[in-house]
Amino acid sequence: MTPGGPDRGLLIARVLTWLAAAALAVMMLWTIADIVLRAAFRLPLPGSVALIETTLVLVAMLALADCLGRDEQIKVDVFDGMLGDRGLFALKLLGDIAMLVFILLLAYTMINPIADAWRFGDVKPDIPVPIVALLGAIEIALVVSAIVLMRKIARTLRAGAQASEPATPWGDKP
């Protein structure tokens, strides 16, 4: 791990986040253009719904690994005060393990749809986006997220029960 930043092994999570930001920019600009053209000239952009749903999925999935690595997912701290340090440590570890299991199951269940999309050459109906590319991007994001979570769990276990905050793969505080 480098002192000032992420290690090279997790740099791909940051690259995926930049791709998610690009997808968000495309979604926003397309929506603005669609609204302006529709209002001013009664000329809607074709494929708007398909493009928005595609970029929305990319924004959510591609940013997942970096979000998990930075420990920035939404949390509800109802029990934090009642559990103490050891209980909170165990609860956070259990949450990370449960998330890892869910992501691995999701990645596993994506294998057949990706193979089918490849075999049949599926594309989105309104825009020329191959379904295999979309599903492949999601699969890559899930695999990177699983790697990030495995590293996070390993660091948390190494930090031990004395740590009040489990270490993140990036080394910065959540």
C-alpha atoms as a PDB file:
ATOM      1  CA  MET A   1       0.000   0.000   0.000  1.00  0.00           C
ATOM      2  CA  THR A   2       1.372   3.380  -0.930  1.00  0.00           C
ATOM      3  CA  PRO A   3       1.387   5.986   1.847  1.00  0.00           C
ATOM      4  CA  GLY A   4      -0.481   8.713  -0.029  1.00  0.00           C
ATOM      5  CA  GLY A   5      -3.078   6.867  -2.034  1.00  0.00           C
ATOM      6  CA  PRO A   6      -4.686   3.631  -3.104  1.00  0.00           C
ATOM      7  CA  ASP A   7      -2.540   0.636  -3.882  1.00  0.00           C
ATOM      8  CA  ARG A   8      -2.206  -0.342  -7.528  1.00  0.00           C
ATOM      9  CA  GLY A   9      -4.352  -3.424  -7.094  1.00  0.00           C
ATOM     10  CA  LEU A  10      -7.420  -1.351  -6.281  1.00  0.00           C
ATOM     11  CA  LEU A  11      -6.838   1.398  -8.814  1.00  0.00           C
ATOM     12  CA  ILE A  12      -9.375  -0.296 -11.076  1.00  0.00           C
ATOM     13  CA  ALA A  13     -12.115   0.575  -8.564  1.00  0.00           C
ATOM     14  CA  ARG A  14     -11.289   4.246  -9.009  1.00  0.00           C
ATOM     15  CA  VAL A  15     -11.250   3.844 -12.804  1.00  0.00           C
ATOM     16  CA  LEU A  16     -14.715   2.268 -12.614  1.00  0.00           C
ATOM     17  CA  THR A  17     -15.870   5.259 -10.558  1.00  0.00           C
ATOM     18  CA  TRP A  18     -14.636   7.620 -13.262  1.00  0.00           C
ATOM     19  CA  LEU A  19     -16.548   5.586 -15.835  1.00  0.00           C
ATOM     20  CA  ALA A  20     -19.628   5.840 -13.613  1.00  0.00           C
ATOM     21  CA  ALA A  21     -19.152   9.616 -13.512  1.00  0.00           C
ATOM     22  CA  ALA A  22     -18.931   9.686 -17.308  1.00  0.00           C
ATOM     23  CA  ALA A  23     -22.159   7.654 -17.533  1.00  0.00           C
ATOM     24  CA  LEU A  24     -23.808  10.123 -15.146  1.00  0.00           C
ATOM     25  CA  ALA A  25     -22.674  13.049 -17.313  1.00  0.00           C
ATOM     26  CA  VAL A  26     -24.061  11.357 -20.441  1.00  0.00           C
ATOM     27  CA  MET A  27     -27.348  10.703 -18.644  1.00  0.00           C
ATOM     28  CA  MET A  28     -27.658  14.320 -17.474  1.00  0.00           C
ATOM     29  CA  LEU A  29     -26.700  15.888 -20.791  1.00  0.00           C
ATOM     30  CA  TRP A  30     -28.993  13.582 -22.779  1.00  0.00           C
ATOM     31  CA  THR A  31     -31.898  14.322 -20.440  1.00  0.00           C
ATOM     32  CA  ILE A  32     -31.331  18.079 -20.695  1.00  0.00           C
ATOM     33  CA  ALA A  33     -31.102  17.881 -24.486  1.00  0.00           C
ATOM     34  CA  ASP A  34     -34.250  15.753 -24.640  1.00  0.00           C
ATOM     35  CA  ILE A  35     -36.204  18.195 -22.458  1.00  0.00           C
ATOM     36  CA  VAL A  36     -35.021  21.270 -24.373  1.00  0.00           C
ATOM     37  CA  LEU A  37     -35.700  19.740 -27.804  1.00  0.00           C
ATOM     38  CA  ARG A  38     -39.063  18.406 -26.676  1.00  0.00           C
ATOM     39  CA  ALA A  39     -40.156  21.752 -25.183  1.00  0.00           C
ATOM     40  CA  ALA A  40     -38.743  24.064 -27.846  1.00  0.00           C
ATOM     41  CA  PHE A  41     -39.259  22.075 -31.037  1.00  0.00           C
ATOM     42  CA  ARG A  42     -41.568  19.183 -30.071  1.00  0.00           C
ATOM     43  CA  LEU A  43     -38.746  16.908 -31.147  1.00  0.00           C
ATOM     44  CA  PRO A  44     -37.926  14.249 -28.537  1.00  0.00           C
ATOM     45  CA  LEU A  45     -34.647  12.387 -28.803  1.00  0.00           C
ATOM     46  CA  PRO A  46     -35.183   8.772 -29.816  1.00  0.00           C
ATOM     47  CA  GLY A  47     -34.035   6.103 -27.358  1.00  0.00           C
ATOM     48  CA  SER A  48     -34.033   8.392 -24.332  1.00  0.00           C
ATOM     49  CA  VAL A  49     -35.597   5.881 -21.970  1.00  0.00           C
ATOM     50  CA  ALA A  50     -33.228   3.102 -23.027  1.00  0.00           C
ATOM     51  CA  LEU A  51     -30.190   5.367 -22.730  1.00  0.00           C
ATOM     52  CA  ILE A  52     -31.232   6.638 -19.297  1.00  0.00           C
ATOM     53  CA  GLU A  53     -31.896   3.148 -17.931  1.00  0.00           C
ATOM     54  CA  THR A  54     -28.562   1.918 -19.311  1.00  0.00           C
ATOM     55  CA  THR A  55     -26.525   4.766 -17.872  1.00  0.00           C
ATOM     56  CA  LEU A  56     -28.389   4.591 -14.558  1.00  0.00           C
ATOM     57  CA  VAL A  57     -27.383   0.949 -14.135  1.00  0.00           C
ATOM     58  CA  LEU A  58     -23.798   1.813 -15.054  1.00  0.00           C
ATOM     59  CA  VAL A  59     -23.678   4.679 -12.551  1.00  0.00           C
ATOM     60  CA  ALA A  60     -24.887   2.479  -9.699  1.00  0.00           C
ATOM     61  CA  MET A  61     -22.842  -0.626 -10.473  1.00  0.00           C
ATOM     62  CA  LEU A  62     -19.551   0.922 -11.585  1.00  0.00           C
ATOM     63  CA  ALA A  63     -19.314   3.131  -8.489  1.00  0.00           C
ATOM     64  CA  LEU A  64     -20.079   0.246  -6.102  1.00  0.00           C
ATOM     65  CA  ALA A  65     -16.505  -0.991  -5.536  1.00  0.00           C
ATOM     66  CA  ASP A  66     -15.136   2.445  -4.680  1.00  0.00           C
ATOM     67  CA  CYS A  67     -18.113   3.140  -2.426  1.00  0.00           C
ATOM     68  CA  LEU A  68     -17.566  -0.118  -0.545  1.00  0.00           C
ATOM     69  CA  GLY A  69     -13.821   0.456  -0.363  1.00  0.00           C
ATOM     70  CA  ARG A  70     -14.292   3.887   1.167  1.00  0.00           C
ATOM     71  CA  ASP A  71     -16.994   2.522   3.491  1.00  0.00           C
ATOM     72  CA  GLU A  72     -19.419   5.171   2.202  1.00  0.00           C
ATOM     73  CA  GLN A  73     -22.514   3.049   1.744  1.00  0.00           C
ATOM     74  CA  ILE A  74     -25.700   4.126   3.503  1.00  0.00           C
ATOM     75  CA  LYS A  75     -25.816   2.881   7.074  1.00  0.00           C
ATOM     76  CA  VAL A  76     -28.358   3.111   9.825  1.00  0.00           C
ATOM     77  CA  ASP A  77     -26.699   3.466  13.212  1.00  0.00           C
ATOM     78  CA  VAL A  78     -29.637   2.489  15.417  1.00  0.00           C
ATOM     79  CA  PHE A  79     -27.660  -0.026  17.489  1.00  0.00           C
ATOM     80  CA  ASP A  80     -24.231   1.625  17.493  1.00  0.00           C
ATOM     81  CA  GLY A  81     -24.590   3.194  20.935  1.00  0.00           C
ATOM     82  CA  MET A  82     -25.972   0.025  22.525  1.00  0.00           C
ATOM     83  CA  LEU A  83     -23.401  -2.436  21.252  1.00  0.00           C
ATOM     84  CA  GLY A  84     -20.071  -1.107  22.433  1.00  0.00           C
ATOM     85  CA  ASP A  85     -16.822  -1.403  20.522  1.00  0.00           C
ATOM     86  CA  ARG A  86     -16.706  -5.198  20.282  1.00  0.00           C
ATOM     87  CA  GLY A  87     -20.356  -5.522  19.309  1.00  0.00           C
ATOM     88  CA  LEU A  88     -20.047  -2.779  16.707  1.00  0.00           C
ATOM     89  CA  PHE A  89     -16.905  -4.422  15.359  1.00  0.00           C
ATOM     90  CA  ALA A  90     -18.744  -7.756  15.035  1.00  0.00           C
ATOM     91  CA  LEU A  91     -21.799  -6.130  13.441  1.00  0.00           C
ATOM     92  CA  LYS A  92     -19.706  -4.278  10.838  1.00  0.00           C
ATOM     93  CA  LEU A  93     -17.754  -7.445  10.069  1.00  0.00           C
ATOM     94  CA  LEU A  94     -20.976  -9.437   9.729  1.00  0.00           C
ATOM     95  CA  GLY A  95     -22.388  -6.760   7.417  1.00  0.00           C
ATOM     96  CA  ASP A  96     -19.305  -6.864   5.200  1.00  0.00           C
ATOM     97  CA  ILE A  97     -19.415 -10.665   5.047  1.00  0.00           C
ATOM     98  CA  ALA A  98     -23.137 -10.622   4.194  1.00  0.00           C
ATOM     99  CA  MET A  99     -22.482  -8.042   1.455  1.00  0.00           C
ATOM    100  CA  LEU A 100     -19.649 -10.182   0.073  1.00  0.00           C
ATOM    101  CA  VAL A 101     -21.885 -13.259  -0.068  1.00  0.00           C
ATOM    102  CA  PHE A 102     -24.633 -11.258  -1.808  1.00  0.00           C
ATOM    103  CA  ILE A 103     -22.239  -9.788  -4.386  1.00  0.00           C
ATOM    104  CA  LEU A 104     -20.682 -13.188  -5.100  1.00  0.00           C
ATOM    105  CA  LEU A 105     -24.144 -14.728  -5.586  1.00  0.00           C
ATOM    106  CA  LEU A 106     -25.137 -11.876  -7.866  1.00  0.00           C
ATOM    107  CA  ALA A 107     -21.928 -12.243  -9.892  1.00  0.00           C
ATOM    108  CA  TYR A 108     -22.497 -15.989 -10.185  1.00  0.00           C
ATOM    109  CA  THR A 109     -26.083 -15.586 -11.387  1.00  0.00           C
ATOM    110  CA  MET A 110     -24.918 -13.156 -14.099  1.00  0.00           C
ATOM    111  CA  ILE A 111     -22.847 -15.802 -15.889  1.00  0.00           C
ATOM    112  CA  ASN A 112     -25.730 -17.428 -17.828  1.00  0.00           C
ATOM    113  CA  PRO A 113     -27.343 -14.140 -18.946  1.00  0.00           C
ATOM    114  CA  ILE A 114     -23.950 -12.930 -20.189  1.00  0.00           C
ATOM    115  CA  ALA A 115     -23.422 -16.180 -22.110  1.00  0.00           C
ATOM    116  CA  ASP A 116     -26.920 -15.942 -23.604  1.00  0.00           C
ATOM    117  CA  ALA A 117     -26.459 -12.304 -24.605  1.00  0.00           C
ATOM    118  CA  TRP A 118     -23.163 -13.241 -26.269  1.00  0.00           C
ATOM    119  CA  ARG A 119     -24.618 -16.298 -28.006  1.00  0.00           C
ATOM    120  CA  PHE A 120     -27.683 -14.500 -29.380  1.00  0.00           C
ATOM    121  CA  GLY A 121     -26.115 -11.091 -30.036  1.00  0.00           C
ATOM    122  CA  ASP A 122     -28.780  -9.229 -28.066  1.00  0.00           C
ATOM    123  CA  VAL A 123     -28.884  -5.442 -28.311  1.00  0.00           C
ATOM    124  CA  LYS A 124     -31.087  -2.899 -26.575  1.00  0.00           C
ATOM    125  CA  PRO A 125     -34.194  -2.302 -28.691  1.00  0.00           C
ATOM    126  CA  ASP A 126     -33.980   1.486 -28.988  1.00  0.00           C
ATOM    127  CA  ILE A 127     -30.230   2.082 -28.960  1.00  0.00           C
ATOM    128  CA  PRO A 128     -27.401   0.024 -30.489  1.00  0.00           C
ATOM    129  CA  VAL A 129     -25.882  -1.096 -27.171  1.00  0.00           C
ATOM    130  CA  PRO A 130     -24.993  -4.785 -27.003  1.00  0.00           C
ATOM    131  CA  ILE A 131     -26.507  -6.379 -23.906  1.00  0.00           C
ATOM    132  CA  VAL A 132     -23.321  -8.398 -23.418  1.00  0.00           C
ATOM    133  CA  ALA A 133     -21.337  -5.155 -22.999  1.00  0.00           C
ATOM    134  CA  LEU A 134     -23.752  -3.858 -20.373  1.00  0.00           C
ATOM    135  CA  LEU A 135     -23.851  -7.162 -18.481  1.00  0.00           C
ATOM    136  CA  GLY A 136     -20.076  -7.515 -18.808  1.00  0.00           C
ATOM    137  CA  ALA A 137     -19.550  -4.082 -17.240  1.00  0.00           C
ATOM    138  CA  ILE A 138     -21.837  -5.067 -14.384  1.00  0.00           C
ATOM    139  CA  GLU A 139     -19.973  -8.367 -13.923  1.00  0.00           C
ATOM    140  CA  ILE A 140     -16.607  -6.600 -13.821  1.00  0.00           C
ATOM    141  CA  ALA A 141     -17.976  -4.150 -11.256  1.00  0.00           C
ATOM    142  CA  LEU A 142     -19.262  -7.025  -9.112  1.00  0.00           C
ATOM    143  CA  VAL A 143     -15.960  -8.917  -9.248  1.00  0.00           C
ATOM    144  CA  VAL A 144     -13.976  -5.797  -8.332  1.00  0.00           C
ATOM    145  CA  SER A 145     -16.463  -5.092  -5.519  1.00  0.00           C
ATOM    146  CA  ALA A 146     -15.982  -8.630  -4.190  1.00  0.00           C
ATOM    147  CA  ILE A 147     -12.200  -8.190  -4.232  1.00  0.00           C
ATOM    148  CA  VAL A 148     -12.512  -4.876  -2.406  1.00  0.00           C
ATOM    149  CA  LEU A 149     -14.760  -6.463   0.223  1.00  0.00           C
ATOM    150  CA  MET A 150     -12.421  -9.428   0.705  1.00  0.00           C
ATOM    151  CA  ARG A 151      -9.514  -7.052   1.295  1.00  0.00           C
ATOM    152  CA  LYS A 152     -11.638  -4.953   3.633  1.00  0.00           C
ATOM    153  CA  ILE A 153     -12.671  -8.020   5.650  1.00  0.00           C
ATOM    154  CA  ALA A 154      -9.062  -9.210   5.853  1.00  0.00           C
ATOM    155  CA  ARG A 155      -7.907  -5.791   7.083  1.00  0.00           C
ATOM    156  CA  THR A 156     -10.744  -5.649   9.590  1.00  0.00           C
ATOM    157  CA  LEU A 157      -9.844  -9.057  10.972  1.00  0.00           C
ATOM    158  CA  ARG A 158      -6.185  -8.049  11.201  1.00  0.00           C
ATOM    159  CA  ALA A 159      -7.082  -4.828  12.969  1.00  0.00           C
ATOM    160  CA  GLY A 160      -8.718  -6.942  15.674  1.00  0.00           C
ATOM    161  CA  ALA A 161     -11.484  -6.225  18.110  1.00  0.00           C
ATOM    162  CA  GLN A 162      -9.594  -3.279  19.642  1.00  0.00           C
ATOM    163  CA  ALA A 163     -10.093  -1.136  16.535  1.00  0.00           C
ATOM    164  CA  SER A 164     -12.958   1.289  16.801  1.00  0.00           C
ATOM    165  CA  GLU A 165     -13.037   1.741  13.019  1.00  0.00           C
ATOM    166  CA  PRO A 166     -12.228  -1.114  10.645  1.00  0.00           C
ATOM    167  CA  ALA A 167      -9.566  -0.155   8.141  1.00  0.00           C
ATOM    168  CA  THR A 168     -10.634   0.380   4.546  1.00  0.00           C
ATOM    169  CA  PRO A 169      -8.676  -0.969   1.578  1.00  0.00           C
ATOM    170  CA  TRP A 170      -7.721   2.623   0.789  1.00  0.00           C
ATOM    171  CA  GLY A 171      -6.294   3.279   4.251  1.00  0.00           C
ATOM    172  CA  ASP A 172      -8.419   6.368   4.798  1.00  0.00           C
ATOM    173  CA  LYS A 173     -10.943   6.661   7.601  1.00  0.00           C
ATOM    174  CA  PRO A 174     -14.621   6.015   6.828  1.00  0.00           C
END
